[in-house]
N, C-alpha and C. Protein backbone atom coordinates (compact mmCIF):
# COMPACT_ATOMS: atom_id res chain seq x y z
N MET A 1 131.78 157.06 155.09
CA MET A 1 131.81 157.76 153.80
C MET A 1 132.61 159.04 153.92
N PRO A 2 133.33 159.44 152.85
CA PRO A 2 134.08 160.68 152.91
C PRO A 2 133.15 161.88 153.00
N VAL A 3 133.62 162.91 153.69
CA VAL A 3 132.87 164.15 153.76
C VAL A 3 133.51 165.12 152.81
N VAL A 4 132.68 165.74 151.94
CA VAL A 4 133.20 166.62 150.89
C VAL A 4 132.63 168.01 151.08
N HIS A 5 133.49 169.02 150.99
CA HIS A 5 133.06 170.40 151.08
C HIS A 5 133.65 171.19 149.93
N GLY A 6 132.88 172.13 149.41
CA GLY A 6 133.41 173.08 148.43
C GLY A 6 133.74 172.48 147.10
N MET A 7 133.09 171.41 146.68
CA MET A 7 133.46 170.75 145.44
C MET A 7 133.10 171.54 144.20
N ASN A 8 132.24 172.60 144.35
CA ASN A 8 131.93 173.43 143.20
C ASN A 8 132.99 174.48 142.95
N GLU A 9 133.91 174.63 143.88
CA GLU A 9 134.97 175.61 143.74
C GLU A 9 136.08 175.06 142.85
N VAL A 10 136.73 175.96 142.15
CA VAL A 10 137.86 175.56 141.33
C VAL A 10 139.12 175.88 142.12
N GLY A 11 139.93 174.90 142.36
CA GLY A 11 141.15 175.14 143.12
C GLY A 11 141.71 173.85 143.68
N PRO A 12 142.77 173.96 144.46
CA PRO A 12 143.41 172.77 145.02
C PRO A 12 142.52 172.08 146.06
N ILE A 13 142.79 170.80 146.25
CA ILE A 13 142.01 169.99 147.19
C ILE A 13 142.93 169.39 148.24
N VAL A 14 142.50 169.48 149.49
CA VAL A 14 143.23 168.85 150.59
C VAL A 14 142.45 167.61 151.02
N PHE A 15 143.10 166.45 150.96
CA PHE A 15 142.49 165.20 151.40
C PHE A 15 142.99 164.92 152.82
N VAL A 16 142.08 164.83 153.76
CA VAL A 16 142.43 164.55 155.15
C VAL A 16 142.10 163.09 155.44
N VAL A 17 143.10 162.33 155.87
CA VAL A 17 142.88 160.92 156.23
C VAL A 17 143.26 160.75 157.69
N ASP A 18 142.25 160.65 158.55
CA ASP A 18 142.47 160.54 160.00
C ASP A 18 141.27 159.83 160.60
N ASP A 19 141.51 158.87 161.49
CA ASP A 19 140.40 158.10 162.04
C ASP A 19 139.66 158.81 163.17
N ASP A 20 140.15 159.95 163.62
CA ASP A 20 139.52 160.69 164.71
C ASP A 20 138.56 161.72 164.12
N PRO A 21 137.24 161.56 164.34
CA PRO A 21 136.27 162.49 163.76
C PRO A 21 136.50 163.94 164.17
N SER A 22 136.92 164.15 165.44
CA SER A 22 137.13 165.53 165.91
C SER A 22 138.30 166.17 165.18
N VAL A 23 139.33 165.38 164.86
CA VAL A 23 140.47 165.91 164.11
C VAL A 23 140.04 166.25 162.69
N ARG A 24 139.28 165.35 162.07
CA ARG A 24 138.80 165.60 160.71
C ARG A 24 137.96 166.88 160.65
N GLU A 25 137.07 167.02 161.63
CA GLU A 25 136.22 168.21 161.65
C GLU A 25 137.03 169.48 161.86
N GLY A 26 138.02 169.40 162.76
CA GLY A 26 138.84 170.57 163.03
C GLY A 26 139.67 170.99 161.83
N LEU A 27 140.27 170.00 161.14
CA LEU A 27 141.07 170.31 159.96
C LEU A 27 140.19 170.77 158.81
N ASP A 28 139.00 170.17 158.69
CA ASP A 28 138.06 170.60 157.66
C ASP A 28 137.73 172.09 157.84
N SER A 29 137.44 172.48 159.07
CA SER A 29 137.11 173.88 159.36
C SER A 29 138.31 174.80 159.09
N LEU A 30 139.49 174.35 159.49
CA LEU A 30 140.71 175.15 159.29
C LEU A 30 140.97 175.39 157.81
N PHE A 31 140.92 174.35 157.01
CA PHE A 31 141.25 174.49 155.58
C PHE A 31 140.18 175.27 154.83
N ARG A 32 138.89 175.07 155.22
CA ARG A 32 137.85 175.84 154.56
C ARG A 32 137.94 177.32 154.91
N SER A 33 138.51 177.62 156.09
CA SER A 33 138.65 179.02 156.49
C SER A 33 139.65 179.77 155.62
N ILE A 34 140.54 179.02 154.96
CA ILE A 34 141.49 179.66 154.05
C ILE A 34 141.14 179.31 152.59
N LYS A 35 139.86 179.02 152.38
CA LYS A 35 139.29 178.85 151.03
C LYS A 35 139.85 177.66 150.27
N LEU A 36 140.13 176.57 150.97
CA LEU A 36 140.56 175.34 150.31
C LEU A 36 139.42 174.33 150.29
N THR A 37 139.32 173.59 149.21
CA THR A 37 138.37 172.48 149.13
C THR A 37 138.92 171.32 149.94
N VAL A 38 138.04 170.67 150.70
CA VAL A 38 138.48 169.60 151.62
C VAL A 38 137.65 168.35 151.41
N GLN A 39 138.33 167.20 151.48
CA GLN A 39 137.65 165.91 151.49
C GLN A 39 138.25 165.11 152.63
N THR A 40 137.41 164.56 153.49
CA THR A 40 137.92 163.85 154.66
C THR A 40 137.56 162.37 154.60
N PHE A 41 138.46 161.55 155.14
CA PHE A 41 138.30 160.10 155.14
C PHE A 41 138.74 159.55 156.49
N GLY A 42 138.10 158.47 156.92
CA GLY A 42 138.45 157.86 158.20
C GLY A 42 139.52 156.79 158.09
N THR A 43 139.73 156.24 156.88
CA THR A 43 140.73 155.19 156.69
C THR A 43 141.42 155.37 155.34
N ALA A 44 142.58 154.72 155.20
CA ALA A 44 143.31 154.76 153.93
C ALA A 44 142.51 154.04 152.84
N GLU A 45 141.86 152.94 153.23
CA GLU A 45 141.07 152.18 152.25
C GLU A 45 139.93 153.02 151.68
N GLU A 46 139.33 153.83 152.53
CA GLU A 46 138.24 154.71 152.10
C GLU A 46 138.74 155.70 151.06
N PHE A 47 139.92 156.24 151.29
CA PHE A 47 140.51 157.18 150.34
C PHE A 47 140.79 156.49 149.00
N LEU A 48 141.33 155.29 149.04
CA LEU A 48 141.69 154.57 147.82
C LEU A 48 140.47 154.22 146.98
N ARG A 49 139.32 154.04 147.62
CA ARG A 49 138.10 153.71 146.88
C ARG A 49 137.47 154.94 146.24
N PHE A 50 137.88 156.10 146.68
CA PHE A 50 137.25 157.33 146.22
C PHE A 50 137.85 157.78 144.88
N LYS A 51 137.00 158.19 143.93
CA LYS A 51 137.48 158.69 142.65
C LYS A 51 137.86 160.14 142.81
N ARG A 52 139.17 160.41 142.73
CA ARG A 52 139.67 161.75 143.00
C ARG A 52 139.52 162.66 141.79
N PRO A 53 139.11 163.91 141.99
CA PRO A 53 139.05 164.88 140.89
C PRO A 53 140.44 165.16 140.34
N ASP A 54 140.49 165.56 139.09
CA ASP A 54 141.77 165.92 138.48
C ASP A 54 142.09 167.36 138.85
N ALA A 55 142.82 167.52 139.95
CA ALA A 55 143.13 168.86 140.46
C ALA A 55 144.38 168.78 141.31
N PRO A 56 145.08 169.90 141.45
CA PRO A 56 146.24 169.91 142.35
C PRO A 56 145.77 169.73 143.79
N GLY A 57 146.63 169.21 144.63
CA GLY A 57 146.25 169.03 146.02
C GLY A 57 147.31 168.33 146.82
N CYS A 58 146.91 167.83 147.98
CA CYS A 58 147.84 167.08 148.84
C CYS A 58 147.01 166.26 149.83
N ILE A 59 147.71 165.41 150.57
CA ILE A 59 147.06 164.57 151.58
C ILE A 59 147.62 164.94 152.96
N VAL A 60 146.72 165.19 153.90
CA VAL A 60 147.12 165.31 155.31
C VAL A 60 146.82 163.95 155.92
N LEU A 61 147.85 163.27 156.37
CA LEU A 61 147.74 161.84 156.70
C LEU A 61 148.20 161.55 158.13
N ASP A 62 147.31 160.93 158.89
CA ASP A 62 147.67 160.49 160.24
C ASP A 62 148.50 159.21 160.15
N VAL A 63 149.47 159.08 161.04
CA VAL A 63 150.32 157.88 161.04
C VAL A 63 149.54 156.67 161.57
N ARG A 64 148.81 156.88 162.66
CA ARG A 64 148.08 155.78 163.29
C ARG A 64 146.68 155.70 162.70
N LEU A 65 146.45 154.69 161.88
CA LEU A 65 145.15 154.49 161.25
C LEU A 65 144.71 153.04 161.43
N PRO A 66 143.41 152.78 161.48
CA PRO A 66 142.94 151.39 161.50
C PRO A 66 143.21 150.75 160.14
N GLY A 67 143.51 149.46 160.16
CA GLY A 67 143.82 148.79 158.89
C GLY A 67 145.20 149.19 158.41
N LEU A 68 145.28 149.73 157.22
CA LEU A 68 146.56 150.15 156.63
C LEU A 68 147.03 151.42 157.32
N ASN A 69 148.19 151.35 158.02
CA ASN A 69 148.65 152.55 158.72
C ASN A 69 149.21 153.59 157.74
N GLY A 70 149.40 154.81 158.25
CA GLY A 70 149.78 155.91 157.40
C GLY A 70 151.08 155.72 156.65
N LEU A 71 152.10 155.18 157.32
CA LEU A 71 153.40 154.99 156.68
C LEU A 71 153.33 153.96 155.56
N ASP A 72 152.65 152.84 155.83
CA ASP A 72 152.49 151.82 154.79
C ASP A 72 151.62 152.33 153.65
N PHE A 73 150.61 153.12 154.00
CA PHE A 73 149.74 153.72 152.99
C PHE A 73 150.55 154.65 152.09
N HIS A 74 151.45 155.42 152.68
CA HIS A 74 152.30 156.31 151.88
C HIS A 74 153.15 155.50 150.91
N ASP A 75 153.71 154.40 151.39
CA ASP A 75 154.51 153.53 150.51
C ASP A 75 153.66 153.01 149.36
N GLU A 76 152.40 152.66 149.65
CA GLU A 76 151.51 152.15 148.61
C GLU A 76 151.18 153.23 147.58
N LEU A 77 151.03 154.47 148.04
CA LEU A 77 150.78 155.58 147.13
C LEU A 77 151.94 155.74 146.15
N VAL A 78 153.15 155.67 146.68
CA VAL A 78 154.35 155.81 145.85
C VAL A 78 154.42 154.69 144.83
N GLU A 79 154.19 153.46 145.28
CA GLU A 79 154.24 152.29 144.39
C GLU A 79 153.15 152.34 143.33
N SER A 80 152.01 152.96 143.66
CA SER A 80 150.88 153.03 142.73
C SER A 80 150.94 154.27 141.83
N ASN A 81 152.03 155.04 141.95
CA ASN A 81 152.21 156.27 141.16
C ASN A 81 151.10 157.29 141.41
N ILE A 82 150.55 157.30 142.62
CA ILE A 82 149.62 158.36 143.03
C ILE A 82 150.50 159.46 143.61
N ASP A 83 150.65 160.53 142.84
CA ASP A 83 151.71 161.49 143.15
C ASP A 83 151.29 162.64 144.05
N LEU A 84 150.18 162.51 144.77
CA LEU A 84 149.78 163.56 145.69
C LEU A 84 150.79 163.70 146.82
N PRO A 85 151.33 164.89 147.05
CA PRO A 85 152.27 165.09 148.17
C PRO A 85 151.57 164.83 149.50
N VAL A 86 152.35 164.35 150.47
CA VAL A 86 151.78 163.98 151.77
C VAL A 86 152.40 164.80 152.90
N VAL A 87 151.53 165.29 153.79
CA VAL A 87 151.96 165.91 155.03
C VAL A 87 151.47 165.01 156.16
N PHE A 88 152.41 164.45 156.93
CA PHE A 88 152.04 163.56 158.03
C PHE A 88 151.72 164.37 159.29
N ILE A 89 150.72 163.89 160.03
CA ILE A 89 150.44 164.42 161.36
C ILE A 89 150.31 163.22 162.29
N THR A 90 150.77 163.36 163.52
CA THR A 90 150.68 162.25 164.46
C THR A 90 150.82 162.73 165.90
N GLY A 91 150.17 162.01 166.80
CA GLY A 91 150.33 162.28 168.22
C GLY A 91 151.30 161.32 168.86
N HIS A 92 151.83 160.39 168.07
CA HIS A 92 152.72 159.35 168.60
C HIS A 92 153.94 159.17 167.71
N GLY A 93 154.50 160.25 167.24
CA GLY A 93 155.63 160.15 166.32
C GLY A 93 156.96 160.00 167.02
N ASP A 94 157.92 159.49 166.28
CA ASP A 94 159.29 159.43 166.79
C ASP A 94 160.23 159.70 165.62
N VAL A 95 161.52 159.75 165.92
CA VAL A 95 162.51 160.08 164.90
C VAL A 95 162.51 159.05 163.78
N THR A 96 162.40 157.78 164.14
CA THR A 96 162.41 156.72 163.12
C THR A 96 161.26 156.90 162.13
N MET A 97 160.07 157.20 162.66
CA MET A 97 158.91 157.41 161.79
C MET A 97 159.13 158.59 160.87
N SER A 98 159.60 159.70 161.43
CA SER A 98 159.76 160.92 160.63
C SER A 98 160.81 160.72 159.55
N VAL A 99 161.90 160.03 159.88
CA VAL A 99 162.94 159.77 158.89
C VAL A 99 162.39 158.91 157.75
N ARG A 100 161.65 157.86 158.12
CA ARG A 100 161.06 156.98 157.10
C ARG A 100 160.12 157.77 156.18
N ALA A 101 159.28 158.61 156.78
CA ALA A 101 158.31 159.37 156.00
C ALA A 101 158.99 160.35 155.06
N LEU A 102 159.97 161.08 155.57
CA LEU A 102 160.64 162.09 154.75
C LEU A 102 161.48 161.45 153.66
N LYS A 103 162.11 160.31 153.97
CA LYS A 103 162.88 159.60 152.94
C LYS A 103 161.98 159.10 151.83
N ALA A 104 160.73 158.78 152.17
CA ALA A 104 159.79 158.29 151.16
C ALA A 104 159.17 159.42 150.36
N GLY A 105 159.52 160.67 150.70
CA GLY A 105 159.07 161.80 149.90
C GLY A 105 158.01 162.68 150.53
N ALA A 106 157.67 162.44 151.81
CA ALA A 106 156.68 163.29 152.48
C ALA A 106 157.18 164.73 152.55
N VAL A 107 156.25 165.67 152.46
CA VAL A 107 156.61 167.09 152.51
C VAL A 107 157.00 167.50 153.92
N ASP A 108 156.26 166.99 154.93
CA ASP A 108 156.55 167.35 156.32
C ASP A 108 156.01 166.28 157.24
N PHE A 109 156.46 166.30 158.49
CA PHE A 109 156.04 165.35 159.50
C PHE A 109 155.81 166.15 160.78
N LEU A 110 154.54 166.42 161.09
CA LEU A 110 154.19 167.29 162.22
C LEU A 110 153.64 166.46 163.38
N THR A 111 154.14 166.76 164.58
CA THR A 111 153.70 166.04 165.77
C THR A 111 152.66 166.88 166.52
N LYS A 112 151.54 166.25 166.85
CA LYS A 112 150.49 166.92 167.61
C LYS A 112 150.96 167.16 169.05
N PRO A 113 150.59 168.30 169.64
CA PRO A 113 149.87 169.43 169.03
C PRO A 113 150.83 170.29 168.20
N PHE A 114 150.39 170.72 167.04
CA PHE A 114 151.21 171.58 166.19
C PHE A 114 150.47 172.90 165.97
N ARG A 115 151.21 173.92 165.60
CA ARG A 115 150.59 175.21 165.31
C ARG A 115 149.84 175.13 163.98
N HIS A 116 148.69 175.72 163.94
CA HIS A 116 147.93 175.72 162.69
C HIS A 116 148.73 176.32 161.54
N GLN A 117 149.50 177.37 161.85
CA GLN A 117 150.28 178.01 160.79
C GLN A 117 151.33 177.08 160.22
N ASP A 118 151.92 176.23 161.08
CA ASP A 118 152.91 175.26 160.59
C ASP A 118 152.26 174.29 159.60
N LEU A 119 151.04 173.85 159.92
CA LEU A 119 150.34 172.94 159.02
C LEU A 119 149.95 173.66 157.73
N ILE A 120 149.47 174.87 157.84
CA ILE A 120 149.08 175.63 156.64
C ILE A 120 150.29 175.86 155.74
N ASP A 121 151.44 176.19 156.35
CA ASP A 121 152.66 176.38 155.56
C ASP A 121 153.04 175.09 154.82
N ALA A 122 152.93 173.97 155.53
CA ALA A 122 153.26 172.68 154.91
C ALA A 122 152.29 172.35 153.78
N ILE A 123 151.01 172.65 153.99
CA ILE A 123 149.99 172.41 152.96
C ILE A 123 150.26 173.26 151.72
N ASN A 124 150.54 174.54 151.95
CA ASN A 124 150.81 175.43 150.82
C ASN A 124 152.04 174.96 150.03
N SER A 125 153.06 174.51 150.74
CA SER A 125 154.26 173.99 150.08
C SER A 125 153.93 172.74 149.28
N ALA A 126 153.13 171.85 149.84
CA ALA A 126 152.76 170.60 149.17
C ALA A 126 151.93 170.88 147.92
N ILE A 127 150.98 171.79 148.03
CA ILE A 127 150.12 172.11 146.89
C ILE A 127 150.93 172.74 145.77
N GLU A 128 151.84 173.64 146.12
CA GLU A 128 152.68 174.27 145.09
C GLU A 128 153.57 173.23 144.41
N ARG A 129 154.08 172.30 145.19
CA ARG A 129 154.90 171.22 144.62
C ARG A 129 154.08 170.41 143.61
N HIS A 130 152.83 170.11 143.98
CA HIS A 130 151.98 169.32 143.09
C HIS A 130 151.60 170.11 141.85
N ARG A 131 151.34 171.40 142.01
CA ARG A 131 151.04 172.25 140.85
C ARG A 131 152.18 172.22 139.84
N LEU A 132 153.39 172.41 140.33
CA LEU A 132 154.56 172.43 139.45
C LEU A 132 154.74 171.08 138.77
N ARG A 133 154.55 170.00 139.53
CA ARG A 133 154.69 168.65 138.97
C ARG A 133 153.67 168.41 137.87
N ARG A 134 152.42 168.83 138.11
CA ARG A 134 151.37 168.66 137.11
C ARG A 134 151.67 169.47 135.86
N LYS A 135 152.23 170.65 136.05
CA LYS A 135 152.56 171.50 134.90
C LYS A 135 153.64 170.84 134.05
N VAL A 136 154.66 170.30 134.71
CA VAL A 136 155.74 169.61 134.00
C VAL A 136 155.19 168.40 133.26
N GLU A 137 154.33 167.62 133.92
CA GLU A 137 153.77 166.42 133.30
C GLU A 137 152.88 166.77 132.12
N ALA A 138 152.10 167.86 132.24
CA ALA A 138 151.23 168.28 131.14
C ALA A 138 152.05 168.70 129.94
N THR A 139 153.13 169.42 130.20
CA THR A 139 154.01 169.86 129.11
C THR A 139 154.66 168.66 128.43
N ALA A 140 155.08 167.68 129.23
CA ALA A 140 155.71 166.48 128.68
C ALA A 140 154.72 165.68 127.84
N LEU A 141 153.47 165.58 128.31
CA LEU A 141 152.46 164.84 127.56
C LEU A 141 152.16 165.53 126.24
N GLU A 142 152.05 166.85 126.26
CA GLU A 142 151.78 167.59 125.03
C GLU A 142 152.90 167.39 124.02
N LEU A 143 154.14 167.40 124.50
CA LEU A 143 155.28 167.21 123.61
C LEU A 143 155.26 165.81 123.00
N SER A 144 154.95 164.81 123.81
CA SER A 144 154.87 163.44 123.31
C SER A 144 153.75 163.30 122.28
N ASN A 145 152.64 163.97 122.52
CA ASN A 145 151.53 163.92 121.57
C ASN A 145 151.90 164.56 120.23
N ARG A 146 152.65 165.64 120.29
CA ARG A 146 153.11 166.27 119.05
C ARG A 146 154.03 165.32 118.28
N PHE A 147 154.94 164.69 118.99
CA PHE A 147 155.88 163.76 118.36
C PHE A 147 155.14 162.60 117.71
N ALA A 148 154.06 162.16 118.36
CA ALA A 148 153.28 161.03 117.83
C ALA A 148 152.62 161.36 116.50
N LEU A 149 152.45 162.64 116.20
CA LEU A 149 151.83 163.05 114.95
C LEU A 149 152.79 162.96 113.76
N LEU A 150 154.08 162.86 114.03
CA LEU A 150 155.06 162.82 112.94
C LEU A 150 155.02 161.49 112.21
N THR A 151 155.21 161.54 110.89
CA THR A 151 155.37 160.31 110.12
C THR A 151 156.76 159.74 110.36
N SER A 152 156.98 158.51 109.92
CA SER A 152 158.30 157.89 110.07
C SER A 152 159.38 158.72 109.38
N ARG A 153 159.07 159.22 108.18
CA ARG A 153 160.06 160.01 107.44
C ARG A 153 160.33 161.34 108.16
N GLU A 154 159.29 161.93 108.71
CA GLU A 154 159.49 163.19 109.43
C GLU A 154 160.35 162.97 110.67
N ARG A 155 160.21 161.82 111.30
CA ARG A 155 161.07 161.51 112.46
C ARG A 155 162.52 161.32 112.01
N GLN A 156 162.68 160.70 110.87
CA GLN A 156 164.04 160.56 110.31
C GLN A 156 164.67 161.93 110.10
N VAL A 157 163.91 162.80 109.46
CA VAL A 157 164.43 164.14 109.17
C VAL A 157 164.69 164.90 110.46
N MET A 158 163.80 164.75 111.44
CA MET A 158 163.98 165.43 112.72
C MET A 158 165.28 164.99 113.39
N LEU A 159 165.54 163.69 113.37
CA LEU A 159 166.78 163.18 113.96
C LEU A 159 168.00 163.78 113.30
N GLU A 160 167.95 163.90 111.98
CA GLU A 160 169.08 164.47 111.24
C GLU A 160 169.22 165.98 111.52
N VAL A 161 168.07 166.66 111.56
CA VAL A 161 168.09 168.11 111.79
C VAL A 161 168.67 168.45 113.16
N VAL A 162 168.19 167.76 114.19
CA VAL A 162 168.68 168.08 115.54
C VAL A 162 170.12 167.62 115.72
N GLY A 163 170.57 166.74 114.81
CA GLY A 163 171.98 166.34 114.83
C GLY A 163 172.89 167.37 114.17
N GLY A 164 172.29 168.44 113.64
CA GLY A 164 173.07 169.54 113.10
C GLY A 164 173.42 169.43 111.63
N ARG A 165 172.79 168.48 110.91
CA ARG A 165 173.13 168.30 109.50
C ARG A 165 172.31 169.24 108.61
N PRO A 166 172.92 169.81 107.58
CA PRO A 166 172.20 170.66 106.63
C PRO A 166 171.32 169.83 105.71
N ASN A 167 170.38 170.52 105.05
CA ASN A 167 169.41 169.83 104.19
C ASN A 167 170.08 168.97 103.12
N LYS A 168 171.12 169.49 102.51
CA LYS A 168 171.79 168.76 101.43
C LYS A 168 172.36 167.44 101.94
N GLN A 169 172.97 167.47 103.09
CA GLN A 169 173.56 166.26 103.66
C GLN A 169 172.47 165.28 104.09
N ILE A 170 171.37 165.81 104.64
CA ILE A 170 170.25 164.96 105.04
C ILE A 170 169.68 164.25 103.81
N ALA A 171 169.55 165.00 102.72
CA ALA A 171 169.01 164.42 101.47
C ALA A 171 169.88 163.26 101.00
N ALA A 172 171.19 163.44 101.06
CA ALA A 172 172.11 162.39 100.62
C ALA A 172 172.02 161.17 101.53
N ARG A 173 171.94 161.39 102.83
CA ARG A 173 171.89 160.28 103.78
C ARG A 173 170.59 159.49 103.66
N LEU A 174 169.48 160.19 103.39
CA LEU A 174 168.19 159.53 103.31
C LEU A 174 167.79 159.13 101.89
N LYS A 175 168.65 159.53 100.94
CA LYS A 175 168.42 159.21 99.52
C LYS A 175 167.09 159.78 99.02
N ILE A 176 166.87 161.04 99.35
CA ILE A 176 165.71 161.77 98.86
C ILE A 176 166.21 163.13 98.37
N SER A 177 165.35 163.87 97.69
CA SER A 177 165.77 165.17 97.16
C SER A 177 165.84 166.21 98.28
N GLU A 178 166.61 167.24 98.03
CA GLU A 178 166.74 168.31 99.01
C GLU A 178 165.39 169.03 99.20
N PHE A 179 164.64 169.14 98.10
CA PHE A 179 163.33 169.76 98.18
C PHE A 179 162.41 168.97 99.12
N THR A 180 162.48 167.62 99.00
CA THR A 180 161.65 166.77 99.87
C THR A 180 162.05 166.93 101.33
N VAL A 181 163.34 167.06 101.57
CA VAL A 181 163.81 167.30 102.94
C VAL A 181 163.19 168.59 103.47
N LYS A 182 163.20 169.63 102.66
CA LYS A 182 162.64 170.91 103.08
C LYS A 182 161.16 170.79 103.41
N VAL A 183 160.44 170.01 102.60
CA VAL A 183 159.00 169.82 102.84
C VAL A 183 158.78 169.10 104.16
N HIS A 184 159.50 167.99 104.36
CA HIS A 184 159.37 167.25 105.62
C HIS A 184 159.77 168.12 106.81
N ARG A 185 160.81 168.89 106.63
CA ARG A 185 161.30 169.75 107.71
C ARG A 185 160.23 170.79 108.08
N SER A 186 159.61 171.37 107.07
CA SER A 186 158.55 172.34 107.31
C SER A 186 157.38 171.71 108.04
N HIS A 187 156.99 170.50 107.60
CA HIS A 187 155.87 169.81 108.23
C HIS A 187 156.16 169.46 109.68
N LEU A 188 157.35 168.94 109.95
CA LEU A 188 157.65 168.52 111.32
C LEU A 188 157.78 169.73 112.25
N MET A 189 158.33 170.83 111.74
CA MET A 189 158.43 172.04 112.56
C MET A 189 157.03 172.53 112.93
N HIS A 190 156.10 172.44 111.98
CA HIS A 190 154.73 172.86 112.23
C HIS A 190 154.05 171.94 113.25
N LYS A 191 154.20 170.62 113.07
CA LYS A 191 153.56 169.67 113.97
C LYS A 191 154.14 169.76 115.38
N MET A 192 155.44 169.99 115.48
CA MET A 192 156.07 170.10 116.80
C MET A 192 155.90 171.49 117.42
N LYS A 193 155.37 172.43 116.62
CA LYS A 193 155.18 173.82 117.06
C LYS A 193 156.52 174.44 117.47
N ALA A 194 157.54 174.12 116.70
CA ALA A 194 158.87 174.67 116.93
C ALA A 194 159.08 175.87 116.01
N ARG A 195 159.35 177.02 116.57
CA ARG A 195 159.54 178.22 115.76
C ARG A 195 160.94 178.31 115.18
N THR A 196 161.90 177.72 115.89
CA THR A 196 163.29 177.78 115.44
C THR A 196 163.95 176.42 115.60
N LEU A 197 165.15 176.30 115.02
CA LEU A 197 165.92 175.07 115.18
C LEU A 197 166.26 174.84 116.65
N VAL A 198 166.57 175.92 117.34
CA VAL A 198 166.89 175.80 118.77
C VAL A 198 165.70 175.21 119.53
N ASP A 199 164.49 175.65 119.20
CA ASP A 199 163.28 175.09 119.83
C ASP A 199 163.21 173.59 119.59
N LEU A 200 163.45 173.19 118.36
CA LEU A 200 163.34 171.77 118.00
C LEU A 200 164.38 170.93 118.73
N VAL A 201 165.59 171.44 118.83
CA VAL A 201 166.65 170.73 119.55
C VAL A 201 166.28 170.55 121.02
N ARG A 202 165.74 171.58 121.61
CA ARG A 202 165.33 171.49 123.02
C ARG A 202 164.21 170.47 123.19
N MET A 203 163.28 170.47 122.25
CA MET A 203 162.19 169.50 122.32
C MET A 203 162.69 168.07 122.21
N ALA A 204 163.60 167.84 121.28
CA ALA A 204 164.16 166.50 121.10
C ALA A 204 164.88 166.05 122.37
N ASP A 205 165.60 166.98 122.99
CA ASP A 205 166.32 166.66 124.23
C ASP A 205 165.34 166.30 125.34
N LYS A 206 164.25 167.06 125.46
CA LYS A 206 163.25 166.77 126.49
C LYS A 206 162.57 165.44 126.23
N LEU A 207 162.27 165.16 124.97
CA LEU A 207 161.64 163.89 124.63
C LEU A 207 162.51 162.71 125.04
N GLN A 208 163.78 162.81 124.75
CA GLN A 208 164.67 161.69 125.05
C GLN A 208 164.90 161.55 126.55
N ARG A 209 164.85 162.65 127.29
CA ARG A 209 165.04 162.57 128.74
C ARG A 209 163.79 162.10 129.46
N GLN A 210 162.61 162.46 128.96
CA GLN A 210 161.39 162.14 129.67
C GLN A 210 160.85 160.76 129.33
N ASP A 211 161.24 160.20 128.19
CA ASP A 211 160.61 158.96 127.75
C ASP A 211 161.61 158.13 126.96
N ARG A 212 162.10 157.07 127.55
CA ARG A 212 163.08 156.23 126.87
C ARG A 212 162.49 155.56 125.63
N ALA A 213 161.18 155.28 125.69
CA ALA A 213 160.53 154.66 124.53
C ALA A 213 160.53 155.63 123.36
N VAL A 214 160.25 156.90 123.64
CA VAL A 214 160.28 157.91 122.58
C VAL A 214 161.70 158.04 122.04
N ALA A 215 162.66 158.06 122.95
CA ALA A 215 164.05 158.17 122.53
C ALA A 215 164.43 157.01 121.61
N SER A 216 163.96 155.81 121.96
CA SER A 216 164.27 154.64 121.16
C SER A 216 163.65 154.76 119.76
N ARG A 217 162.39 155.24 119.71
CA ARG A 217 161.74 155.40 118.41
C ARG A 217 162.46 156.45 117.57
N LEU A 218 162.89 157.50 118.25
CA LEU A 218 163.59 158.57 117.54
C LEU A 218 164.89 158.05 116.95
N GLN A 219 165.60 157.23 117.71
CA GLN A 219 166.87 156.68 117.22
C GLN A 219 166.65 155.66 116.12
N ARG A 220 165.58 154.83 116.26
CA ARG A 220 165.33 153.79 115.25
C ARG A 220 164.79 154.37 113.95
N SER A 221 164.22 155.57 114.04
CA SER A 221 163.55 156.13 112.87
C SER A 221 164.47 156.32 111.67
N ILE A 222 165.77 156.37 111.93
CA ILE A 222 166.71 156.57 110.82
C ILE A 222 166.64 155.42 109.82
N GLY A 223 166.19 154.25 110.31
CA GLY A 223 166.09 153.11 109.40
C GLY A 223 164.66 152.76 109.03
N ALA A 224 163.74 153.67 109.39
CA ALA A 224 162.32 153.39 109.11
C ALA A 224 162.00 153.53 107.64
N PRO A 225 160.94 152.86 107.19
CA PRO A 225 160.56 152.94 105.78
C PRO A 225 159.96 154.29 105.45
N ILE A 226 159.90 154.63 104.19
CA ILE A 226 159.31 155.89 103.73
C ILE A 226 157.81 155.85 103.95
């Protein structure tokens, strides 16, 4: 069973996956000494069965594990879209292993014995990377949710507005009155929480870059019904 410490604390979590109990205990003590919440596991399968809290963090992962080894486990994490950054530790590493791990996106590959400070630096880097990634994803989700609130007509008007067309031209293209365009424009600006046209253009650009499905809906909306 995983060993959990400090779960009442608010902050990043370090998941340690290593089959050696003495290593798990040592890393648990090290990370708790710098006020990090720690969860330890003896196998990759044990980690996968555990319901992870929604918090920034990283995985400290041994290469040599019973069952699913660390490198294959890392590949499975990537394929499963589990985006926790990984710091590898091993007593039997080689160049081929380290290259494979780093190419797959690992933050670092440390060979035992390593300095505690080197591991702490790698952990801090991994946690910061995850924090930034979560922030970007949260912002993207919020933007998508705002877009989902728009009606079909508001999406039509948004497409025209970010394309640089004035209200009069939009009205002619959509066969509605200029006053109606202004109403839709006001509503969509409010729903998107865009204070200016520049804000709205940036939002539309982000939507199309982050989500092809959203981009497709935005483009198709020009022919959507009222």
